[in-house]
Amino acid sequence: MILSVIIHGVILSIGLILPLGAQNTFIFQQGICQKRFKDILPAILTASLSDTLLIIISVTGFSVLVLASHWIMFLLMSTGVLFLIYMGALAWRANTGKQQDVMKKYSYKKQILYAASVSILNPHALLDTAGVIRTNSIEHIGILKYIFTLSCIFISWSWFFLLAFLGRSLGRVGNSESFLRLLNKISAVIMWGVAVYLFLLLLKLS
């Protein structure tokens, strides 16, 4: 029983966290750009803690209260549309900039602020955790719910460390500028696509 709950949480989390987006792109990019792995830790820890917070909020049911409020949902989704359009523009613009713009290193403070913004201020993440993780967690009770939650959190932390490690490995090889340009462009298109999706949902709410 416990093993099946762990597998449930692991598979579900992998499915949610794998798609390319602003959060994954940023961690991977900083992995490429930073000279030492420890310099990427602020971004990794911030993204991991942000995901942990969203997972806990979702499993405890607090997210349901947020999603049940029409005006809060409208505000979140409106903010999300603008946020994703802006972040997509930043990613796309990096492709037409100089090498130092594409291979941009962030200070510890900027890593924390950026990672937190693309993790928490993205309402699509809230919709994923509330709509998917919350729904799946309902079937587990007692200690099994804690195990399910910890499984989801474990995958989140493991993924961001792995992503940064892969980026750092690619950065050591060199000639990663062209790859980053492509990665930024793909990320921009995905963010704009999610923005359109949220906008269509927003029209249904209005």
C-alpha atoms as a PDB file:
ATOM      1  CA  MET A   1       0.000   0.000   0.000  1.00  0.00           C
ATOM      2  CA  ILE A   2       2.726   2.475   0.991  1.00  0.00           C
ATOM      3  CA  LEU A   3       4.784   1.637  -2.096  1.00  0.00           C
ATOM      4  CA  SER A   4       1.802   2.235  -4.378  1.00  0.00           C
ATOM      5  CA  VAL A   5       1.188   5.628  -2.746  1.00  0.00           C
ATOM      6  CA  ILE A   6       4.845   6.594  -3.254  1.00  0.00           C
ATOM      7  CA  ILE A   7       4.714   5.514  -6.906  1.00  0.00           C
ATOM      8  CA  HIS A   8       1.488   7.478  -7.328  1.00  0.00           C
ATOM      9  CA  GLY A   9       3.071  10.660  -5.980  1.00  0.00           C
ATOM     10  CA  VAL A  10       6.288  10.175  -7.948  1.00  0.00           C
ATOM     11  CA  ILE A  11       4.644   9.555 -11.323  1.00  0.00           C
ATOM     12  CA  LEU A  12       2.159  12.382 -10.843  1.00  0.00           C
ATOM     13  CA  SER A  13       4.889  14.856  -9.857  1.00  0.00           C
ATOM     14  CA  ILE A  14       7.137  13.878 -12.753  1.00  0.00           C
ATOM     15  CA  GLY A  15       4.268  14.448 -15.164  1.00  0.00           C
ATOM     16  CA  LEU A  16       3.609  17.907 -13.745  1.00  0.00           C
ATOM     17  CA  ILE A  17       7.192  19.110 -13.416  1.00  0.00           C
ATOM     18  CA  LEU A  18       8.718  17.881 -16.688  1.00  0.00           C
ATOM     19  CA  PRO A  19       7.081  20.319 -19.162  1.00  0.00           C
ATOM     20  CA  LEU A  20       9.351  23.176 -20.158  1.00  0.00           C
ATOM     21  CA  GLY A  21       8.431  26.535 -18.687  1.00  0.00           C
ATOM     22  CA  ALA A  22       9.898  29.649 -17.125  1.00  0.00           C
ATOM     23  CA  GLN A  23      10.837  27.872 -13.899  1.00  0.00           C
ATOM     24  CA  ASN A  24      12.675  24.957 -15.494  1.00  0.00           C
ATOM     25  CA  THR A  25      14.306  27.161 -18.113  1.00  0.00           C
ATOM     26  CA  PHE A  26      15.643  29.552 -15.491  1.00  0.00           C
ATOM     27  CA  ILE A  27      17.169  26.798 -13.328  1.00  0.00           C
ATOM     28  CA  PHE A  28      18.751  25.155 -16.366  1.00  0.00           C
ATOM     29  CA  GLN A  29      20.024  28.472 -17.714  1.00  0.00           C
ATOM     30  CA  GLN A  30      21.665  29.413 -14.428  1.00  0.00           C
ATOM     31  CA  GLY A  31      23.205  25.953 -14.326  1.00  0.00           C
ATOM     32  CA  ILE A  32      24.847  26.693 -17.655  1.00  0.00           C
ATOM     33  CA  CYS A  33      25.927  30.223 -16.805  1.00  0.00           C
ATOM     34  CA  GLN A  34      27.207  29.962 -13.245  1.00  0.00           C
ATOM     35  CA  LYS A  35      30.823  28.873 -12.788  1.00  0.00           C
ATOM     36  CA  ARG A  36      30.252  26.870  -9.598  1.00  0.00           C
ATOM     37  CA  PHE A  37      27.360  24.622  -8.622  1.00  0.00           C
ATOM     38  CA  LYS A  38      26.998  26.338  -5.247  1.00  0.00           C
ATOM     39  CA  ASP A  39      26.270  29.605  -7.075  1.00  0.00           C
ATOM     40  CA  ILE A  40      23.057  28.049  -8.432  1.00  0.00           C
ATOM     41  CA  LEU A  41      21.801  27.019  -4.983  1.00  0.00           C
ATOM     42  CA  PRO A  42      19.701  30.181  -4.350  1.00  0.00           C
ATOM     43  CA  ALA A  43      17.637  29.477  -7.483  1.00  0.00           C
ATOM     44  CA  ILE A  44      17.362  25.749  -6.740  1.00  0.00           C
ATOM     45  CA  LEU A  45      16.323  26.218  -3.111  1.00  0.00           C
ATOM     46  CA  THR A  46      13.852  29.002  -3.900  1.00  0.00           C
ATOM     47  CA  ALA A  47      12.141  27.004  -6.647  1.00  0.00           C
ATOM     48  CA  SER A  48      12.065  23.881  -4.461  1.00  0.00           C
ATOM     49  CA  LEU A  49      10.662  25.706  -1.423  1.00  0.00           C
ATOM     50  CA  SER A  50       8.088  27.471  -3.605  1.00  0.00           C
ATOM     51  CA  ASP A  51       6.904  24.163  -5.040  1.00  0.00           C
ATOM     52  CA  THR A  52       6.818  22.667  -1.551  1.00  0.00           C
ATOM     53  CA  LEU A  53       4.600  25.524  -0.397  1.00  0.00           C
ATOM     54  CA  LEU A  54       2.230  25.084  -3.353  1.00  0.00           C
ATOM     55  CA  ILE A  55       2.023  21.315  -2.788  1.00  0.00           C
ATOM     56  CA  ILE A  56       1.256  21.704   0.922  1.00  0.00           C
ATOM     57  CA  ILE A  57      -1.337  24.398   0.226  1.00  0.00           C
ATOM     58  CA  SER A  58      -2.937  22.137  -2.347  1.00  0.00           C
ATOM     59  CA  VAL A  59      -3.023  18.963  -0.239  1.00  0.00           C
ATOM     60  CA  THR A  60      -4.360  20.766   2.855  1.00  0.00           C
ATOM     61  CA  GLY A  61      -7.230  22.140   0.802  1.00  0.00           C
ATOM     62  CA  PHE A  62      -6.426  25.836   1.147  1.00  0.00           C
ATOM     63  CA  SER A  63      -6.116  26.133  -2.623  1.00  0.00           C
ATOM     64  CA  VAL A  64      -9.754  25.059  -2.957  1.00  0.00           C
ATOM     65  CA  LEU A  65     -10.823  28.142  -0.992  1.00  0.00           C
ATOM     66  CA  VAL A  66      -8.816  30.323  -3.353  1.00  0.00           C
ATOM     67  CA  LEU A  67     -10.203  28.698  -6.487  1.00  0.00           C
ATOM     68  CA  ALA A  68     -13.742  28.897  -5.110  1.00  0.00           C
ATOM     69  CA  SER A  69     -13.565  32.690  -4.995  1.00  0.00           C
ATOM     70  CA  HIS A  70     -14.540  34.140  -8.366  1.00  0.00           C
ATOM     71  CA  TRP A  71     -12.820  37.483  -7.907  1.00  0.00           C
ATOM     72  CA  ILE A  72      -9.589  35.947  -6.551  1.00  0.00           C
ATOM     73  CA  MET A  73      -9.454  33.594  -9.525  1.00  0.00           C
ATOM     74  CA  PHE A  74     -10.138  36.484 -11.902  1.00  0.00           C
ATOM     75  CA  LEU A  75      -7.343  38.542 -10.307  1.00  0.00           C
ATOM     76  CA  LEU A  76      -4.889  35.630 -10.322  1.00  0.00           C
ATOM     77  CA  MET A  77      -5.546  34.728 -13.929  1.00  0.00           C
ATOM     78  CA  SER A  78      -5.433  38.343 -15.107  1.00  0.00           C
ATOM     79  CA  THR A  79      -2.099  38.779 -13.362  1.00  0.00           C
ATOM     80  CA  GLY A  80      -0.938  35.483 -14.793  1.00  0.00           C
ATOM     81  CA  VAL A  81      -1.719  36.467 -18.384  1.00  0.00           C
ATOM     82  CA  LEU A  82       0.257  39.711 -18.060  1.00  0.00           C
ATOM     83  CA  PHE A  83       3.055  37.967 -16.174  1.00  0.00           C
ATOM     84  CA  LEU A  84       3.488  35.212 -18.768  1.00  0.00           C
ATOM     85  CA  ILE A  85       3.395  37.664 -21.675  1.00  0.00           C
ATOM     86  CA  TYR A  86       6.085  39.749 -19.981  1.00  0.00           C
ATOM     87  CA  MET A  87       8.267  36.759 -19.096  1.00  0.00           C
ATOM     88  CA  GLY A  88       7.886  35.394 -22.611  1.00  0.00           C
ATOM     89  CA  ALA A  89       8.978  38.744 -24.041  1.00  0.00           C
ATOM     90  CA  LEU A  90      12.078  38.729 -21.829  1.00  0.00           C
ATOM     91  CA  ALA A  91      12.986  35.210 -22.958  1.00  0.00           C
ATOM     92  CA  TRP A  92      12.422  36.013 -26.632  1.00  0.00           C
ATOM     93  CA  ARG A  93      14.353  39.290 -26.442  1.00  0.00           C
ATOM     94  CA  ALA A  94      17.352  37.468 -24.978  1.00  0.00           C
ATOM     95  CA  ASN A  95      17.702  35.624 -28.281  1.00  0.00           C
ATOM     96  CA  THR A  96      18.315  38.836 -30.186  1.00  0.00           C
ATOM     97  CA  GLY A  97      20.705  40.319 -27.640  1.00  0.00           C
ATOM     98  CA  LYS A  98      24.442  40.051 -27.197  1.00  0.00           C
ATOM     99  CA  GLN A  99      26.163  36.976 -25.843  1.00  0.00           C
ATOM    100  CA  GLN A 100      26.259  38.392 -22.318  1.00  0.00           C
ATOM    101  CA  ASP A 101      22.462  38.821 -22.441  1.00  0.00           C
ATOM    102  CA  VAL A 102      21.879  35.230 -23.502  1.00  0.00           C
ATOM    103  CA  MET A 103      24.462  33.850 -21.053  1.00  0.00           C
ATOM    104  CA  LYS A 104      23.168  36.001 -18.204  1.00  0.00           C
ATOM    105  CA  LYS A 105      24.306  35.240 -14.677  1.00  0.00           C
ATOM    106  CA  TYR A 106      22.107  36.356 -11.806  1.00  0.00           C
ATOM    107  CA  SER A 107      23.244  37.461  -8.366  1.00  0.00           C
ATOM    108  CA  TYR A 108      21.965  35.490  -5.355  1.00  0.00           C
ATOM    109  CA  LYS A 109      19.298  38.131  -4.695  1.00  0.00           C
ATOM    110  CA  LYS A 110      18.083  38.196  -8.302  1.00  0.00           C
ATOM    111  CA  GLN A 111      18.039  34.394  -8.429  1.00  0.00           C
ATOM    112  CA  ILE A 112      15.772  34.280  -5.387  1.00  0.00           C
ATOM    113  CA  LEU A 113      13.430  36.997  -6.680  1.00  0.00           C
ATOM    114  CA  TYR A 114      13.213  35.549 -10.190  1.00  0.00           C
ATOM    115  CA  ALA A 115      12.783  31.937  -9.078  1.00  0.00           C
ATOM    116  CA  ALA A 116      10.092  32.943  -6.579  1.00  0.00           C
ATOM    117  CA  SER A 117       8.223  35.000  -9.172  1.00  0.00           C
ATOM    118  CA  VAL A 118       8.146  32.288 -11.863  1.00  0.00           C
ATOM    119  CA  SER A 119       7.168  29.703  -9.229  1.00  0.00           C
ATOM    120  CA  ILE A 120       4.518  31.437  -7.114  1.00  0.00           C
ATOM    121  CA  LEU A 121       3.235  34.277  -9.303  1.00  0.00           C
ATOM    122  CA  ASN A 122       2.411  31.883 -12.122  1.00  0.00           C
ATOM    123  CA  PRO A 123      -1.272  30.998 -11.554  1.00  0.00           C
ATOM    124  CA  HIS A 124      -0.937  28.059 -13.913  1.00  0.00           C
ATOM    125  CA  ALA A 125       1.171  26.381 -11.212  1.00  0.00           C
ATOM    126  CA  LEU A 126      -1.643  26.935  -8.710  1.00  0.00           C
ATOM    127  CA  LEU A 127      -4.156  25.490 -11.142  1.00  0.00           C
ATOM    128  CA  ASP A 128      -1.939  22.431 -11.608  1.00  0.00           C
ATOM    129  CA  THR A 129      -1.415  21.810  -7.921  1.00  0.00           C
ATOM    130  CA  ALA A 130      -5.006  22.544  -6.938  1.00  0.00           C
ATOM    131  CA  GLY A 131      -6.595  20.750  -9.852  1.00  0.00           C
ATOM    132  CA  VAL A 132      -4.285  17.752 -10.101  1.00  0.00           C
ATOM    133  CA  ILE A 133      -2.368  17.172  -6.874  1.00  0.00           C
ATOM    134  CA  ARG A 134      -5.317  18.139  -4.668  1.00  0.00           C
ATOM    135  CA  THR A 135      -7.657  15.848  -6.593  1.00  0.00           C
ATOM    136  CA  ASN A 136      -5.231  12.920  -6.404  1.00  0.00           C
ATOM    137  CA  SER A 137      -4.455  13.460  -2.717  1.00  0.00           C
ATOM    138  CA  ILE A 138      -8.112  13.112  -1.723  1.00  0.00           C
ATOM    139  CA  GLU A 139      -8.029   9.343  -2.177  1.00  0.00           C
ATOM    140  CA  HIS A 140      -5.349   9.016   0.504  1.00  0.00           C
ATOM    141  CA  ILE A 141      -6.042   9.459   4.205  1.00  0.00           C
ATOM    142  CA  GLY A 142      -3.973   9.611   7.377  1.00  0.00           C
ATOM    143  CA  ILE A 143      -0.319   8.671   7.100  1.00  0.00           C
ATOM    144  CA  LEU A 144      -0.765   7.745   3.444  1.00  0.00           C
ATOM    145  CA  LYS A 145      -1.591  11.361   2.600  1.00  0.00           C
ATOM    146  CA  TYR A 146       1.645  12.485   4.287  1.00  0.00           C
ATOM    147  CA  ILE A 147       3.594   9.893   2.297  1.00  0.00           C
ATOM    148  CA  PHE A 148       1.938  11.029  -0.929  1.00  0.00           C
ATOM    149  CA  THR A 149       2.776  14.664  -0.139  1.00  0.00           C
ATOM    150  CA  LEU A 150       6.404  13.887   0.725  1.00  0.00           C
ATOM    151  CA  SER A 151       6.750  11.887  -2.502  1.00  0.00           C
ATOM    152  CA  CYS A 152       5.600  14.888  -4.535  1.00  0.00           C
ATOM    153  CA  ILE A 153       7.950  17.213  -2.638  1.00  0.00           C
ATOM    154  CA  PHE A 154      10.888  14.797  -3.035  1.00  0.00           C
ATOM    155  CA  ILE A 155      10.482  14.719  -6.820  1.00  0.00           C
ATOM    156  CA  SER A 156      10.296  18.504  -6.945  1.00  0.00           C
ATOM    157  CA  TRP A 157      13.558  18.967  -5.034  1.00  0.00           C
ATOM    158  CA  SER A 158      15.319  16.162  -6.917  1.00  0.00           C
ATOM    159  CA  TRP A 159      14.271  17.557 -10.276  1.00  0.00           C
ATOM    160  CA  PHE A 160      15.600  21.066  -9.680  1.00  0.00           C
ATOM    161  CA  PHE A 161      18.949  19.760  -8.413  1.00  0.00           C
ATOM    162  CA  LEU A 162      19.175  17.429 -11.422  1.00  0.00           C
ATOM    163  CA  LEU A 163      18.224  20.211 -13.839  1.00  0.00           C
ATOM    164  CA  ALA A 164      20.902  22.523 -12.424  1.00  0.00           C
ATOM    165  CA  PHE A 165      23.459  19.706 -12.571  1.00  0.00           C
ATOM    166  CA  LEU A 166      22.650  19.008 -16.224  1.00  0.00           C
ATOM    167  CA  GLY A 167      22.943  22.710 -17.004  1.00  0.00           C
ATOM    168  CA  ARG A 168      26.286  22.924 -15.174  1.00  0.00           C
ATOM    169  CA  SER A 169      27.536  19.897 -17.105  1.00  0.00           C
ATOM    170  CA  LEU A 170      26.540  21.490 -20.410  1.00  0.00           C
ATOM    171  CA  GLY A 171      28.160  24.763 -19.359  1.00  0.00           C
ATOM    172  CA  ARG A 172      31.482  22.985 -18.839  1.00  0.00           C
ATOM    173  CA  VAL A 173      31.388  21.585 -22.361  1.00  0.00           C
ATOM    174  CA  GLY A 174      31.160  25.071 -23.871  1.00  0.00           C
ATOM    175  CA  ASN A 175      29.452  26.308 -27.058  1.00  0.00           C
ATOM    176  CA  SER A 176      26.166  26.521 -25.143  1.00  0.00           C
ATOM    177  CA  GLU A 177      25.138  29.979 -26.383  1.00  0.00           C
ATOM    178  CA  SER A 178      23.248  28.670 -29.421  1.00  0.00           C
ATOM    179  CA  PHE A 179      21.507  26.067 -27.269  1.00  0.00           C
ATOM    180  CA  LEU A 180      20.432  28.735 -24.782  1.00  0.00           C
ATOM    181  CA  ARG A 181      19.049  30.850 -27.599  1.00  0.00           C
ATOM    182  CA  LEU A 182      16.912  27.935 -28.752  1.00  0.00           C
ATOM    183  CA  LEU A 183      15.882  27.142 -25.165  1.00  0.00           C
ATOM    184  CA  ASN A 184      14.835  30.743 -24.535  1.00  0.00           C
ATOM    185  CA  LYS A 185      12.831  30.852 -27.750  1.00  0.00           C
ATOM    186  CA  ILE A 186      10.996  27.606 -26.967  1.00  0.00           C
ATOM    187  CA  SER A 187      10.306  28.812 -23.425  1.00  0.00           C
ATOM    188  CA  ALA A 188       8.906  32.107 -24.736  1.00  0.00           C
ATOM    189  CA  VAL A 189       6.515  30.336 -27.115  1.00  0.00           C
ATOM    190  CA  ILE A 190       5.326  27.996 -24.342  1.00  0.00           C
ATOM    191  CA  MET A 191       4.732  30.892 -21.930  1.00  0.00           C
ATOM    192  CA  TRP A 192       2.751  32.798 -24.557  1.00  0.00           C
ATOM    193  CA  GLY A 193       0.754  29.647 -25.273  1.00  0.00           C
ATOM    194  CA  VAL A 194      -0.094  29.261 -21.576  1.00  0.00           C
ATOM    195  CA  ALA A 195      -1.013  32.961 -21.475  1.00  0.00           C
ATOM    196  CA  VAL A 196      -3.500  32.411 -24.317  1.00  0.00           C
ATOM    197  CA  TYR A 197      -4.905  29.378 -22.488  1.00  0.00           C
ATOM    198  CA  LEU A 198      -5.373  31.402 -19.281  1.00  0.00           C
ATOM    199  CA  PHE A 199      -6.911  34.260 -21.240  1.00  0.00           C
ATOM    200  CA  LEU A 200      -9.526  31.904 -22.720  1.00  0.00           C
ATOM    201  CA  LEU A 201     -10.306  30.630 -19.223  1.00  0.00           C
ATOM    202  CA  LEU A 202     -10.534  34.239 -18.088  1.00  0.00           C
ATOM    203  CA  LEU A 203     -13.162  34.961 -20.739  1.00  0.00           C
ATOM    204  CA  LYS A 204     -15.272  32.122 -19.372  1.00  0.00           C
ATOM    205  CA  LEU A 205     -15.065  33.598 -15.857  1.00  0.00           C
ATOM    206  CA  SER A 206     -16.035  37.098 -16.949  1.00  0.00           C
END
